Each structure stands twice: as C-alpha cells, then as structure tokens.
C-alpha cells in the first residue's frame, strides 16, 4: 500500500532537514534505515538471486547503496560495488567506510571495462542519483545507466530510477528502467505519472520511521485519488433527481463516441441521458440503447426544453466541420456544469487563441485533455506537456478555469485553486478508441448528481481506471475495449455502495 500523500523533491529534502535538525535523528541513521529497508524489500522479491551488483553515485543515494551492499555481504551474498565517484557527503562517506570495514571492496569505475561486472549480475541495485536530478546523465554516469539497462537481469532502484525527474515523471535519456523502486520518506510525484509509471516498475514505500509531527510540518503537493464516497439514494427519488445529462457531439461517422459517453452516464446513475448529434443520427441511438434519447444538436440550445439537461458533455466525436464549430459555439457559453472533451477541447483551443484573456473561466466545468489536446490548449507541443505534466495541468486549470483532467499514465486532476490528485490505477489496455468518451460520460453523470467539479472529476477518473483494471483481467491488455469498461461500472459502483452500507 502506498501512502496518499505525494511530495516533490524539495519537500522530501525539507522532511529530511526537519527530521535531522528538529528531531535529532542523525542523517547516517536515516541512511542505514533506508538501506536496510530496501534490502528487506529486495529479499522479499529476489531472495534467490546470486550475485548482486550495486552501482553507487557520490551523494546520499550512493550511501544507501553501500548500506544495501553491506546487508547483502552479511548474509553471504556475492556483492560487487561499482562507484561512479568518491562519496561527496559525510554520511555517504561513513556508509562507504562501514562497507569497507566489513570486508567489502569498492570498484572505482573509470571506463567501459569497469562496467563488465554488470553483465554477470543476477540483480542490479541502482543507487546513482535518487531525487533532485534535473538533467540527463552525462559521461560516465550515462554509460553506467546504459550498462544497467543492458544487464539483462532485475533492477532495483533506490528512491528513484537514475535519470527520472522526481517532480515531473520525465525520463531523461538515458534513464534506468527498474523492476522495483523502493522510495523513502515521501512518495515522489514523478514515480506516479508520465514515464515514471513504466520506468519505476513496482513502487514500494518506506517511511523510515520518521516522527509523525515532522511529516505534518510539510504539506504534500498532491494526493492519490481515493475510492469515491457515493451518497445513498432517497427512497422517493425520481429520474429527474438522478441528473439529466446532455451529450453533444457525434458528427458524421462518429456516432459511437456519443453513444459510449451516453451509456457510461447511464451506468453511473444518470436518470435521463440525451444524445444531441446530427439529424441523420436521431433514430440510431435507441437501436444501441433504448434508454438513450436523441436530439438534433444543430437545432438545439442548452435552454431549449428538448435539451433536458442539468449537465453538458460537449465534444465526443464532435469533429472539426463547419457544423461542429456552430454546435460548439452554441453550447460553450452555457451556464450549466460542463465536461469538455475531444474535439470540444480543440474548438476551445481555437476560441482561446481568439479571445485571449477575455475568455470566460467558469469554475463548474471539467476539461479532459490527452497530451495532444493539452498541447493545443496551451499552444505548445505534446513533448512539452509530457516533460512537465503537473505544470501543464496547472496551467490549463488556471487559464481555462474549473478542473483539468490530464489523461495518460498517472492521470492528474488539478483545479484552478491549486489542488492536485493523482490516479495510481489504470493499465496500457486503456490506450484504445473510446476510452476518453467513457470517462467524459462518467464525469457528466457525477456532475449531474450534484458532485462539485473536483469531486466529480476525481471520482470519474478512479471509477474509469478501476473498471478498466477489473476488465483487463478477463480480456488482457490487447483485447480491452471501451465497452468492457462500461460493463464493469455498475458492479464496481455496487461494491462501493455495499462497503458504504456495511459501515453504517
């Protein structure tokens, strides 16, 4: 289990400082705790390994590595320590000296030949850099990172895989790809989003027994999204009380997008869902789901009686045509709570370019961009978005108002007021058509049932990812479809409700 609180590198350094200076825990004691805890985790998973190679950098991360190596020697494991440089901190120097005093040898890496031990390793421990790395490894460090990745055996990273930015999840080139990352004191944001999800492997956390009051002194930058709390329905409620969602989109050839969003909204408890699409789609929605109503988006406005809406979901399959631009313009200024997705975001990006600072920033809407759409919203590039996903999500929320859900590995949910949540669920099978439409429908349903924008967005992300994780156990990643996620929503919500009722 990972803790809910997530930190940036500067915050974990502040935690270190408070523990050492205000609570009297020596830095070398924290280092020994870290190394011993990491070794215990290694033994849980790789107890049958033969020769361990520990690659140590000059800082305290390298010091953790010397402690791990010492633990391995004491139980009789074969250990080789490769040092990229001499210890540069007092605590790392103490840990290296303790390792030598215990009979261990340290190989000072000078060139390619000294990396040969990695090719014979059964397990590699990456203790090169840890947190705080803000640029790509260079020179000897880069060669060591590449050699670690080429070793052909399991890799355990201490605190962070070397080459991974601890605050953003950006993997520099080169970057260690770990099978297991043991992180200490504070859970790092970069392990949970972007490339961090694939580079870190399985992440486990060790708090090193720091005093609770020290942790309370440093506010986390984000939290992991928890399972939503869903209120019990009143016995006398009717379908109007359950929320009316209007899904606007489905241009020519893209009816499936609004159908997926509409069905997801129904499965998440909406009382009435209307699909507003092109005129030739009017009678087709009911063939997929008799519970879905239809309207002509070209002839509808949010205020019209036929809209039947408490919430708008604007954009699934909307397209980039003249018709879609007119429809977008008609609905985007609605005062209703709103989810903007897909082509709705692309039209919004163009509107922002035209209006500039005069654009409305309503607090009751949820924007759900993938990195490409986020780049258009910020007039940037997808690479720039992925280089700093937290910063991009904050910028979108601040510029457009409401809540930004930046999709991708480690989806981020950020509100304009500054709160950030991170999803630690989901799987690669979700990289398939229609998944975003399902998410927008879920978010629309929860908004329509009265949840505030941030709560609706985070609950939608959790339900979406959790249903996908349940479905992928049956379908496999390559066979997962958006409709499989929809099928899992009702059973998932039922389990949440049963857990809630059991506590009452």
Protein backbone atom coordinates (compact mmCIF):
# COMPACT_ATOMS: atom_id res chain seq x y z
CA UNK A 1 0.00 0.00 0.00
CA UNK A 2 1.27 3.43 -0.93
CA UNK A 3 0.57 6.46 1.26
CA UNK A 4 -1.94 9.00 0.00
CA UNK A 5 0.44 11.97 0.32
CA UNK A 6 2.73 12.81 -2.59
CA UNK A 7 5.75 15.12 -2.50
CA UNK A 8 8.18 16.93 -4.75
CA UNK A 9 11.93 16.64 -4.23
CA UNK A 10 12.26 19.95 -2.39
CA UNK A 11 9.60 18.80 0.07
CA UNK A 12 11.32 15.49 0.77
CA UNK A 13 14.57 17.36 1.35
CA UNK A 14 12.71 19.59 3.80
CA UNK A 15 11.36 16.48 5.56
CA UNK A 16 14.94 15.22 5.82
CA UNK A 17 16.08 18.52 7.28
CA UNK A 18 13.29 18.68 9.86
CA UNK A 19 13.88 15.10 11.00
CA UNK A 20 17.64 15.67 11.35
CA UNK A 21 17.70 19.19 12.78
CA UNK A 22 14.50 19.38 14.82
CA UNK A 23 14.01 15.77 15.89
CA UNK A 24 17.60 14.78 16.41
CA UNK A 25 17.72 11.80 14.06
CA UNK A 26 21.23 11.69 12.54
CA UNK A 27 21.43 11.57 8.76
CA UNK A 28 23.54 8.41 8.87
CA UNK A 29 20.78 6.72 10.89
CA UNK A 30 18.23 7.59 8.21
CA UNK A 31 20.65 6.26 5.58
CA UNK A 32 21.07 2.97 7.43
CA UNK A 33 17.31 2.65 7.84
CA UNK A 34 16.85 3.28 4.11
CA UNK A 35 19.43 0.72 3.05
CA UNK A 36 18.19 -1.91 5.48
CA UNK A 37 14.56 -1.36 4.47
CA UNK A 38 15.48 -1.57 0.78
CA UNK A 39 17.42 -4.78 1.35
CA UNK A 40 14.46 -6.33 3.13
CA UNK A 41 12.26 -5.47 0.15
CA UNK A 42 14.85 -6.95 -2.21
CA UNK A 43 14.86 -10.19 -0.25
CA UNK A 44 11.07 -10.37 -0.35
CA UNK A 45 11.15 -10.45 -4.14
CA UNK A 46 14.61 -11.61 -5.20
CA UNK A 47 15.78 -13.87 -2.38
CA UNK A 48 17.10 -16.47 -4.84
CA UNK A 49 19.43 -14.06 -6.63
CA UNK A 50 23.11 -14.96 -6.84
CA UNK A 51 25.49 -12.06 -7.48
CA UNK A 52 24.33 -8.55 -6.67
CA UNK A 53 25.94 -5.50 -8.28
CA UNK A 54 25.32 -2.17 -6.53
CA UNK A 55 26.07 0.97 -8.56
CA UNK A 56 26.73 3.89 -6.22
CA UNK A 57 26.82 7.58 -7.00
CA UNK A 58 28.58 10.26 -4.93
CA UNK A 59 25.57 11.51 -2.96
CA UNK A 60 23.38 10.11 -0.22
CA UNK A 61 21.65 7.81 -2.70
CA UNK A 62 25.03 6.15 -3.15
CA UNK A 63 25.29 5.95 0.63
CA UNK A 64 22.02 4.00 0.69
CA UNK A 65 23.60 1.66 -1.85
CA UNK A 66 26.64 0.99 0.36
CA UNK A 67 24.28 0.03 3.19
CA UNK A 68 22.39 -2.37 0.90
CA UNK A 69 25.68 -3.92 -0.19
CA UNK A 70 26.72 -4.37 3.43
CA UNK A 71 23.45 -6.11 4.27
CA UNK A 72 23.96 -8.49 1.35
CA UNK A 73 27.54 -9.32 2.42
CA UNK A 74 26.42 -10.10 5.96
CA UNK A 75 24.13 -12.90 4.76
CA UNK A 76 26.77 -14.31 2.42
CA UNK A 77 25.60 -12.97 -0.93
CA UNK A 78 28.19 -12.24 -3.58
CA UNK A 79 28.35 -8.45 -3.96
CA UNK A 80 30.19 -6.10 -6.27
CA UNK A 81 30.05 -2.36 -5.63
CA UNK A 82 30.75 -0.04 -8.56
CA UNK A 83 31.39 3.56 -7.53
CA UNK A 84 30.86 6.26 -10.12
CA UNK A 85 32.72 8.77 -7.92
CA UNK A 86 34.03 9.18 -4.41
CA UNK A 87 31.39 9.92 -1.74
CA UNK A 88 30.64 13.64 -1.73
CA UNK A 89 28.69 13.83 1.55
CA UNK A 90 29.76 12.99 5.08
CA UNK A 91 27.02 10.40 5.54
CA UNK A 92 27.80 8.68 2.22
CA UNK A 93 31.48 8.60 3.16
CA UNK A 94 30.60 6.99 6.51
CA UNK A 95 28.45 4.36 4.78
CA UNK A 96 31.26 3.57 2.32
CA UNK A 97 33.78 3.27 5.15
CA UNK A 98 31.46 0.96 7.08
CA UNK A 99 31.14 -1.23 3.99
CA UNK A 100 34.92 -1.43 3.58
CA UNK A 101 35.42 -2.10 7.30
CA UNK A 102 33.06 -5.05 6.94
CA UNK A 103 35.32 -6.57 4.30
CA UNK A 104 33.66 -5.16 1.19
CA UNK A 105 35.59 -3.94 -1.84
CA UNK A 106 34.63 -0.95 -3.95
CA UNK A 107 35.50 -0.76 -7.66
CA UNK A 108 36.05 2.82 -8.80
CA UNK A 109 34.61 2.95 -12.30
CA UNK A 110 36.99 4.56 -14.76
CA UNK A 111 35.72 3.37 -18.13
CA UNK A 112 33.75 0.78 -20.10
CA UNK A 113 35.83 -2.14 -18.82
CA UNK A 114 34.82 -1.49 -15.24
CA UNK A 115 31.16 -1.92 -16.19
CA UNK A 116 31.75 -5.56 -17.15
CA UNK A 117 30.58 -6.77 -13.74
CA UNK A 118 27.05 -5.69 -14.66
CA UNK A 119 26.91 -8.25 -17.46
CA UNK A 120 27.49 -11.04 -14.92
CA UNK A 121 24.98 -9.75 -12.37
CA UNK A 122 21.88 -11.63 -11.25
CA UNK A 123 20.49 -8.46 -9.66
CA UNK A 124 21.46 -4.80 -10.04
CA UNK A 125 20.81 -2.09 -7.44
CA UNK A 126 20.69 1.44 -8.88
CA UNK A 127 21.99 3.89 -6.28
CA UNK A 128 23.40 6.50 -8.65
CA UNK A 129 21.30 9.63 -8.26
CA UNK A 130 17.97 9.40 -6.41
CA UNK A 131 15.94 12.62 -6.23
CA UNK A 132 16.94 16.04 -7.41
CA UNK A 133 18.25 15.15 -10.88
CA UNK A 134 17.26 17.95 -13.25
CA UNK A 135 19.16 17.00 -16.41
CA UNK A 136 20.16 13.93 -18.38
CA UNK A 137 23.02 11.82 -17.02
CA UNK A 138 26.28 12.63 -18.80
CA UNK A 139 29.61 10.92 -19.44
CA UNK A 140 30.44 8.07 -17.11
CA UNK A 141 27.05 8.25 -15.37
CA UNK A 142 25.29 7.87 -18.74
CA UNK A 143 27.44 4.84 -19.59
CA UNK A 144 26.58 3.26 -16.26
CA UNK A 145 22.85 3.84 -16.78
CA UNK A 146 23.02 2.18 -20.20
CA UNK A 147 25.01 -0.71 -18.78
CA UNK A 148 22.42 -1.20 -16.03
CA UNK A 149 19.66 -1.38 -18.61
CA UNK A 150 21.69 -3.82 -20.72
CA UNK A 151 22.48 -6.13 -17.82
CA UNK A 152 19.59 -8.45 -18.63
CA UNK A 153 18.59 -9.03 -15.00
CA UNK A 154 16.17 -7.46 -12.49
CA UNK A 155 16.96 -3.89 -11.47
CA UNK A 156 16.04 -2.34 -8.11
CA UNK A 157 16.18 1.46 -7.88
CA UNK A 158 16.73 3.20 -4.56
CA UNK A 159 14.36 6.16 -4.10
CA UNK A 160 14.19 6.98 -7.86
CA UNK A 161 15.43 5.30 -11.05
CA UNK A 162 18.51 7.27 -12.10
CA UNK A 163 17.59 9.59 -14.97
CA UNK A 164 13.95 10.03 -13.94
CA UNK A 165 12.84 13.51 -12.88
CA UNK A 166 11.32 13.10 -9.43
CA UNK A 167 8.90 16.02 -9.79
CA UNK A 168 7.54 15.54 -13.32
CA UNK A 169 7.94 11.90 -14.32
CA UNK A 170 10.08 12.87 -17.33
CA UNK A 171 12.61 10.20 -18.24
CA UNK A 172 15.83 11.78 -19.45
CA UNK A 173 17.98 9.92 -21.95
CA UNK A 174 19.38 7.67 -20.71
CA UNK A 175 17.23 6.59 -17.77
CA UNK A 176 17.25 3.40 -15.73
CA UNK A 177 14.29 1.10 -16.25
CA UNK A 178 13.68 -0.56 -12.89
CA UNK A 179 11.61 -3.58 -12.00
CA UNK A 180 11.24 -2.40 -8.40
CA UNK A 181 11.69 1.04 -6.88
CA UNK A 182 11.97 1.41 -3.11
CA UNK A 183 11.29 5.03 -2.26
CA UNK A 184 11.87 6.66 1.10
CA UNK A 185 10.35 9.24 3.49
CA UNK A 186 7.96 10.80 0.94
CA UNK A 187 6.25 9.32 -2.11
CA UNK A 188 7.56 11.19 -5.17
CA UNK A 189 5.22 12.62 -7.78
CA UNK A 190 7.49 11.59 -10.66
CA UNK A 191 7.07 7.90 -9.83
CA UNK A 192 3.32 8.06 -10.42
CA UNK A 193 2.82 9.99 -13.66
CA UNK A 194 4.14 10.09 -17.21
CA UNK A 195 7.17 7.94 -17.99
CA UNK A 196 7.68 7.36 -14.29
CA UNK A 197 4.96 4.71 -14.37
CA UNK A 198 6.97 2.49 -16.73
CA UNK A 199 10.49 3.39 -15.56
CA UNK A 200 9.88 2.75 -11.86
CA UNK A 201 8.29 -0.69 -12.15
CA UNK A 202 6.60 -1.72 -8.94
CA UNK A 203 6.85 1.07 -6.36
CA UNK A 204 7.06 0.35 -2.63
CA UNK A 205 7.35 2.92 0.12
CA UNK A 206 9.38 3.02 3.33
CA UNK A 207 8.73 5.91 5.74
CA UNK A 208 11.97 5.23 7.73
CA UNK A 209 10.03 5.70 10.95
CA UNK A 210 10.21 9.48 10.85
CA UNK A 211 8.15 11.23 13.56
CA UNK A 212 4.54 11.96 12.52
CA UNK A 213 4.86 15.58 13.62
CA UNK A 214 7.72 16.06 11.14
CA UNK A 215 5.50 14.83 8.32
CA UNK A 216 2.70 17.16 9.40
CA UNK A 217 5.07 20.10 9.07
CA UNK A 218 5.39 19.70 5.29
CA UNK A 219 2.25 19.90 3.14
CA UNK A 220 2.17 17.40 0.26
CA UNK A 221 1.96 18.69 -3.31
CA UNK A 222 -0.71 16.13 -4.26
CA UNK A 223 -2.64 13.10 -3.06
CA UNK A 224 -3.55 9.76 -4.59
CA UNK A 225 -7.20 9.58 -5.63
CA UNK A 226 -9.18 7.50 -3.17
CA UNK A 227 -12.28 5.45 -3.88
CA UNK A 228 -15.27 7.81 -4.13
CA UNK A 229 -17.92 8.09 -1.47
CA UNK A 230 -21.36 7.82 -3.05
CA UNK A 231 -24.39 9.01 -1.15
CA UNK A 232 -27.31 6.68 -0.59
CA UNK A 233 -30.28 7.46 -2.82
CA UNK A 234 -33.53 8.65 -1.28
CA UNK A 235 -36.33 6.12 -1.39
CA UNK A 236 -38.69 8.63 -3.00
CA UNK A 237 -36.34 9.97 -5.69
CA UNK A 238 -37.36 10.02 -9.36
CA UNK A 239 -35.31 10.03 -12.55
CA UNK A 240 -35.14 13.81 -12.64
CA UNK A 241 -33.46 13.76 -9.23
CA UNK A 242 -30.78 11.41 -10.59
CA UNK A 243 -29.50 14.03 -13.04
CA UNK A 244 -30.13 14.83 -16.68
CA UNK A 245 -27.10 14.70 -18.96
CA UNK A 246 -26.95 16.09 -22.49
CA UNK A 247 -24.09 14.64 -24.57
CA UNK A 248 -23.31 16.88 -27.54
CA UNK A 249 -21.18 15.57 -30.42
CA UNK A 250 -21.23 12.61 -32.75
CA UNK A 251 -20.56 14.26 -36.09
CA UNK A 252 -20.79 12.27 -39.30
CA UNK A 253 -19.03 8.92 -38.89
CA UNK A 254 -18.50 9.41 -35.14
CA UNK A 255 -21.83 8.45 -33.57
CA UNK A 256 -20.06 5.81 -31.49
CA UNK A 257 -18.35 8.45 -29.36
CA UNK A 258 -21.57 9.97 -28.02
CA UNK A 259 -23.13 6.54 -27.60
CA UNK A 260 -20.23 5.42 -25.40
CA UNK A 261 -20.40 8.61 -23.33
CA UNK A 262 -24.17 8.32 -23.01
CA UNK A 263 -24.09 4.68 -22.00
CA UNK A 264 -21.38 5.37 -19.42
CA UNK A 265 -23.51 8.16 -17.96
CA UNK A 266 -26.47 5.80 -17.65
CA UNK A 267 -24.35 3.12 -15.96
CA UNK A 268 -23.14 5.68 -13.43
CA UNK A 269 -26.62 6.60 -12.33
CA UNK A 270 -27.92 9.38 -14.58
CA UNK A 271 -31.70 9.43 -14.65
CA UNK A 272 -32.01 10.83 -18.18
CA UNK A 273 -29.41 10.97 -20.94
CA UNK A 274 -29.96 12.69 -24.28
CA UNK A 275 -27.66 12.36 -27.27
CA UNK A 276 -27.50 15.58 -29.29
CA UNK A 277 -25.97 14.77 -32.66
CA UNK A 278 -26.63 15.23 -36.37
CA UNK A 279 -30.14 14.96 -37.78
CA UNK A 280 -29.41 11.64 -39.50
CA UNK A 281 -28.40 10.12 -36.15
CA UNK A 282 -31.71 10.92 -34.44
CA UNK A 283 -33.20 7.44 -34.56
CA UNK A 284 -29.99 5.45 -34.24
CA UNK A 285 -29.13 5.94 -30.56
CA UNK A 286 -32.14 3.94 -29.40
CA UNK A 287 -31.00 1.00 -31.51
CA UNK A 288 -27.91 0.79 -29.31
CA UNK A 289 -29.68 1.65 -26.06
CA UNK A 290 -33.41 2.13 -25.81
CA UNK A 291 -32.81 4.23 -22.67
CA UNK A 292 -30.96 6.92 -24.65
CA UNK A 293 -32.95 9.84 -26.03
CA UNK A 294 -31.93 11.83 -29.10
CA UNK A 295 -31.96 15.43 -30.27
CA UNK A 296 -30.70 17.40 -33.28
CA UNK A 297 -27.69 19.34 -32.00
CA UNK A 298 -27.92 21.71 -34.93
CA UNK A 299 -31.37 22.86 -33.82
CA UNK A 300 -30.89 22.70 -30.06
CA UNK A 301 -29.69 25.14 -27.43
CA UNK A 302 -28.93 24.47 -23.75
CA UNK A 303 -32.00 26.47 -22.72
CA UNK A 304 -34.44 24.65 -25.03
CA UNK A 305 -36.99 22.35 -23.34
CA UNK A 306 -35.77 19.48 -25.51
CA UNK A 307 -32.30 19.77 -24.01
CA UNK A 308 -33.45 18.20 -20.70
CA UNK A 309 -30.07 18.97 -19.18
CA UNK A 310 -28.56 19.59 -15.78
CA UNK A 311 -25.07 18.97 -17.21
CA UNK A 312 -23.50 19.13 -20.66
CA UNK A 313 -20.87 16.78 -22.05
CA UNK A 314 -19.51 18.67 -25.03
CA UNK A 315 -17.18 17.20 -27.61
CA UNK A 316 -17.19 13.39 -28.01
CA UNK A 317 -16.98 12.77 -31.76
CA UNK A 318 -17.89 16.40 -32.46
CA UNK A 319 -15.45 16.71 -35.34
CA UNK A 320 -13.85 19.74 -36.96
CA UNK A 321 -16.51 20.60 -39.56
CA UNK A 322 -18.48 23.81 -40.05
CA UNK A 323 -21.43 22.08 -38.35
CA UNK A 324 -19.31 21.14 -35.32
CA UNK A 325 -17.96 24.68 -34.97
CA UNK A 326 -21.50 26.07 -34.93
CA UNK A 327 -22.65 23.50 -32.39
CA UNK A 328 -19.66 24.18 -30.15
CA UNK A 329 -20.29 27.93 -30.26
CA UNK A 330 -23.92 27.43 -29.32
CA UNK A 331 -23.15 25.35 -26.22
CA UNK A 332 -19.80 26.52 -24.85
CA UNK A 333 -21.20 29.64 -23.16
CA UNK A 334 -23.87 27.72 -21.26
CA UNK A 335 -24.00 28.38 -17.51
CA UNK A 336 -24.62 24.67 -16.89
CA UNK A 337 -21.90 22.49 -15.37
CA UNK A 338 -19.99 21.02 -18.27
CA UNK A 339 -17.47 18.37 -19.31
CA UNK A 340 -15.44 19.39 -22.36
CA UNK A 341 -13.66 16.57 -24.16
CA UNK A 342 -12.15 15.56 -27.50
CA UNK A 343 -13.00 17.96 -30.35
CA UNK A 344 -14.70 20.23 -27.84
CA UNK A 345 -11.20 20.88 -26.50
CA UNK A 346 -9.82 21.55 -29.97
CA UNK A 347 -12.55 24.13 -30.60
CA UNK A 348 -11.90 25.60 -27.15
CA UNK A 349 -8.20 25.97 -28.01
CA UNK A 350 -9.10 27.99 -31.10
CA UNK A 351 -11.54 30.09 -29.08
CA UNK A 352 -8.83 30.83 -26.52
CA UNK A 353 -6.45 31.91 -29.25
CA UNK A 354 -9.09 34.36 -30.50
CA UNK A 355 -10.37 35.68 -27.16
CA UNK A 356 -7.17 35.72 -25.13
CA UNK A 357 -7.57 36.97 -21.57
CA UNK A 358 -11.23 37.93 -22.15
CA UNK A 359 -12.29 34.28 -22.30
CA UNK A 360 -14.66 33.01 -19.60
CA UNK A 361 -13.16 30.80 -16.88
CA UNK A 362 -16.13 29.09 -15.24
CA UNK A 363 -15.41 27.06 -12.13
CA UNK A 364 -18.08 24.43 -12.84
CA UNK A 365 -16.55 22.74 -15.86
CA UNK A 366 -14.19 19.81 -16.28
CA UNK A 367 -11.69 19.64 -19.14
CA UNK A 368 -10.37 16.18 -20.01
CA UNK A 369 -7.46 16.55 -22.47
CA UNK A 370 -4.98 13.92 -23.52
CA UNK A 371 -1.44 15.31 -24.01
CA UNK A 372 -2.05 16.27 -27.65
CA UNK A 373 -5.18 18.23 -26.78
CA UNK A 374 -3.40 19.77 -23.81
CA UNK A 375 -0.66 20.98 -26.16
CA UNK A 376 -3.24 22.70 -28.35
CA UNK A 377 -4.87 24.33 -25.33
CA UNK A 378 -1.52 25.74 -24.25
CA UNK A 379 -0.21 26.40 -27.78
CA UNK A 380 2.65 24.07 -27.02
CA UNK A 381 3.83 20.62 -28.09
CA UNK A 382 2.99 17.17 -26.83
CA UNK A 383 6.63 16.71 -25.82
CA UNK A 384 6.46 19.86 -23.71
CA UNK A 385 3.31 18.62 -21.98
CA UNK A 386 4.85 15.25 -21.18
CA UNK A 387 8.05 16.90 -19.95
CA UNK A 388 6.08 18.55 -17.13
CA UNK A 389 2.64 17.04 -16.79
CA UNK A 390 1.92 18.62 -13.38
CA UNK A 391 2.87 22.06 -14.66
CA UNK A 392 0.78 21.62 -17.80
CA UNK A 393 -2.29 20.52 -15.86
CA UNK A 394 -1.98 23.51 -13.53
CA UNK A 395 -1.58 25.88 -16.47
CA UNK A 396 -4.72 24.56 -18.18
CA UNK A 397 -6.79 24.84 -15.00
CA UNK A 398 -5.57 28.38 -14.41
CA UNK A 399 -6.08 29.51 -17.99
CA UNK A 400 -9.48 27.91 -18.62
CA UNK A 401 -10.98 27.65 -15.14
CA UNK A 402 -12.59 24.67 -13.47
CA UNK A 403 -10.79 21.35 -13.32
CA UNK A 404 -8.25 19.85 -15.69
CA UNK A 405 -8.04 16.07 -16.04
CA UNK A 406 -4.76 15.45 -17.88
CA UNK A 407 -5.13 11.91 -19.14
CA UNK A 408 -2.35 9.39 -19.64
CA UNK A 409 -0.24 7.17 -17.40
CA UNK A 410 -0.79 8.60 -13.94
CA UNK A 411 -3.76 10.82 -14.83
CA UNK A 412 -3.66 14.16 -12.99
CA UNK A 413 -6.71 16.04 -11.70
CA UNK A 414 -6.00 19.70 -10.96
CA UNK A 415 -8.36 22.53 -10.04
CA UNK A 416 -7.78 26.20 -10.70
CA UNK A 417 -7.49 26.82 -6.95
CA UNK A 418 -4.39 24.64 -6.82
CA UNK A 419 -5.39 21.18 -5.56
CA UNK A 420 -3.86 18.17 -7.32
CA UNK A 421 -4.82 14.50 -7.29
CA UNK A 422 -3.04 11.60 -8.99
CA UNK A 423 -4.50 8.32 -10.22
CA UNK A 424 -2.38 5.28 -9.38
CA UNK A 425 -4.70 2.92 -11.30
CA UNK A 426 -5.23 2.08 -14.95
CA UNK A 427 -3.34 -0.04 -17.47
CA UNK A 428 -1.92 0.07 -21.02
CA UNK A 429 -5.03 -1.62 -22.40
CA UNK A 430 -6.81 1.72 -21.98
CA UNK A 431 -4.85 3.07 -24.96
CA UNK A 432 -7.72 2.29 -27.32
CA UNK A 433 -10.56 4.07 -29.05
CA UNK A 434 -13.47 5.37 -27.00
CA UNK A 435 -11.86 5.30 -23.55
CA UNK A 436 -11.96 9.08 -23.26
CA UNK A 437 -15.62 9.15 -24.28
CA UNK A 438 -16.42 6.75 -21.46
CA UNK A 439 -14.56 8.96 -18.96
CA UNK A 440 -16.46 12.07 -20.09
CA UNK A 441 -19.77 10.28 -19.67
CA UNK A 442 -18.88 9.14 -16.16
CA UNK A 443 -17.81 12.66 -15.18
CA UNK A 444 -21.01 14.12 -16.63
CA UNK A 445 -23.14 11.68 -14.67
CA UNK A 446 -21.44 12.52 -11.39
CA UNK A 447 -21.72 16.26 -12.01
CA UNK A 448 -25.42 15.80 -12.74
CA UNK A 449 -25.85 14.01 -9.40
CA UNK A 450 -24.59 17.06 -7.57
CA UNK A 451 -20.88 16.46 -7.04
CA UNK A 452 -18.66 19.55 -7.29
CA UNK A 453 -16.35 19.66 -10.30
CA UNK A 454 -13.20 18.46 -8.49
CA UNK A 455 -15.00 15.64 -6.71
CA UNK A 456 -16.82 14.56 -9.88
CA UNK A 457 -13.64 14.60 -11.94
CA UNK A 458 -11.55 12.63 -9.45
CA UNK A 459 -14.30 10.09 -8.81
CA UNK A 460 -14.76 9.64 -12.56
CA UNK A 461 -11.05 9.02 -13.06
CA UNK A 462 -10.99 6.46 -10.23
CA UNK A 463 -14.07 4.61 -11.48
CA UNK A 464 -12.83 4.62 -15.08
CA UNK A 465 -9.37 3.27 -14.21
CA UNK A 466 -10.65 0.77 -11.65
CA UNK A 467 -13.24 -0.65 -14.03
CA UNK A 468 -10.54 -0.98 -16.68
CA UNK A 469 -8.24 -2.79 -14.25
CA UNK A 470 -11.02 -5.23 -13.41
CA UNK A 471 -11.92 -5.79 -17.07
CA UNK A 472 -8.35 -6.34 -18.23
CA UNK A 473 -8.09 -9.42 -16.01
CA UNK A 474 -10.58 -11.07 -18.36
CA UNK A 475 -9.74 -9.50 -21.71
CA UNK A 476 -6.00 -8.92 -21.48
CA UNK A 477 -4.47 -5.57 -22.36
CA UNK A 478 -4.60 -6.03 -26.13
CA UNK A 479 -8.26 -7.03 -26.10
CA UNK A 480 -9.66 -4.34 -23.80
CA UNK A 481 -12.46 -2.25 -25.34
CA UNK A 482 -14.20 0.85 -24.08
CA UNK A 483 -17.46 -1.06 -23.75
CA UNK A 484 -15.72 -3.56 -21.45
CA UNK A 485 -15.04 -0.67 -19.08
CA UNK A 486 -18.68 0.41 -19.25
CA UNK A 487 -19.78 -3.14 -18.44
CA UNK A 488 -17.67 -3.03 -15.29
CA UNK A 489 -19.04 0.25 -13.95
CA UNK A 490 -22.28 -0.97 -12.37
CA UNK A 491 -20.67 -3.91 -10.49
CA UNK A 492 -17.88 -1.61 -9.30
CA UNK A 493 -20.30 1.01 -8.03
CA UNK A 494 -22.32 -1.71 -6.34
CA UNK A 495 -19.23 -2.86 -4.43
CA UNK A 496 -18.59 0.73 -3.31
CA UNK A 497 -22.17 1.05 -2.13
CA UNK A 498 -22.07 -2.26 -0.26
CA UNK A 499 -18.87 -1.19 1.50
CA UNK A 500 -20.53 2.13 2.42
CA UNK A 501 -23.65 0.43 3.75
CA UNK A 502 -21.58 -2.02 5.79
CA UNK A 503 -20.08 0.90 7.70
CA UNK A 504 -23.44 2.47 8.58
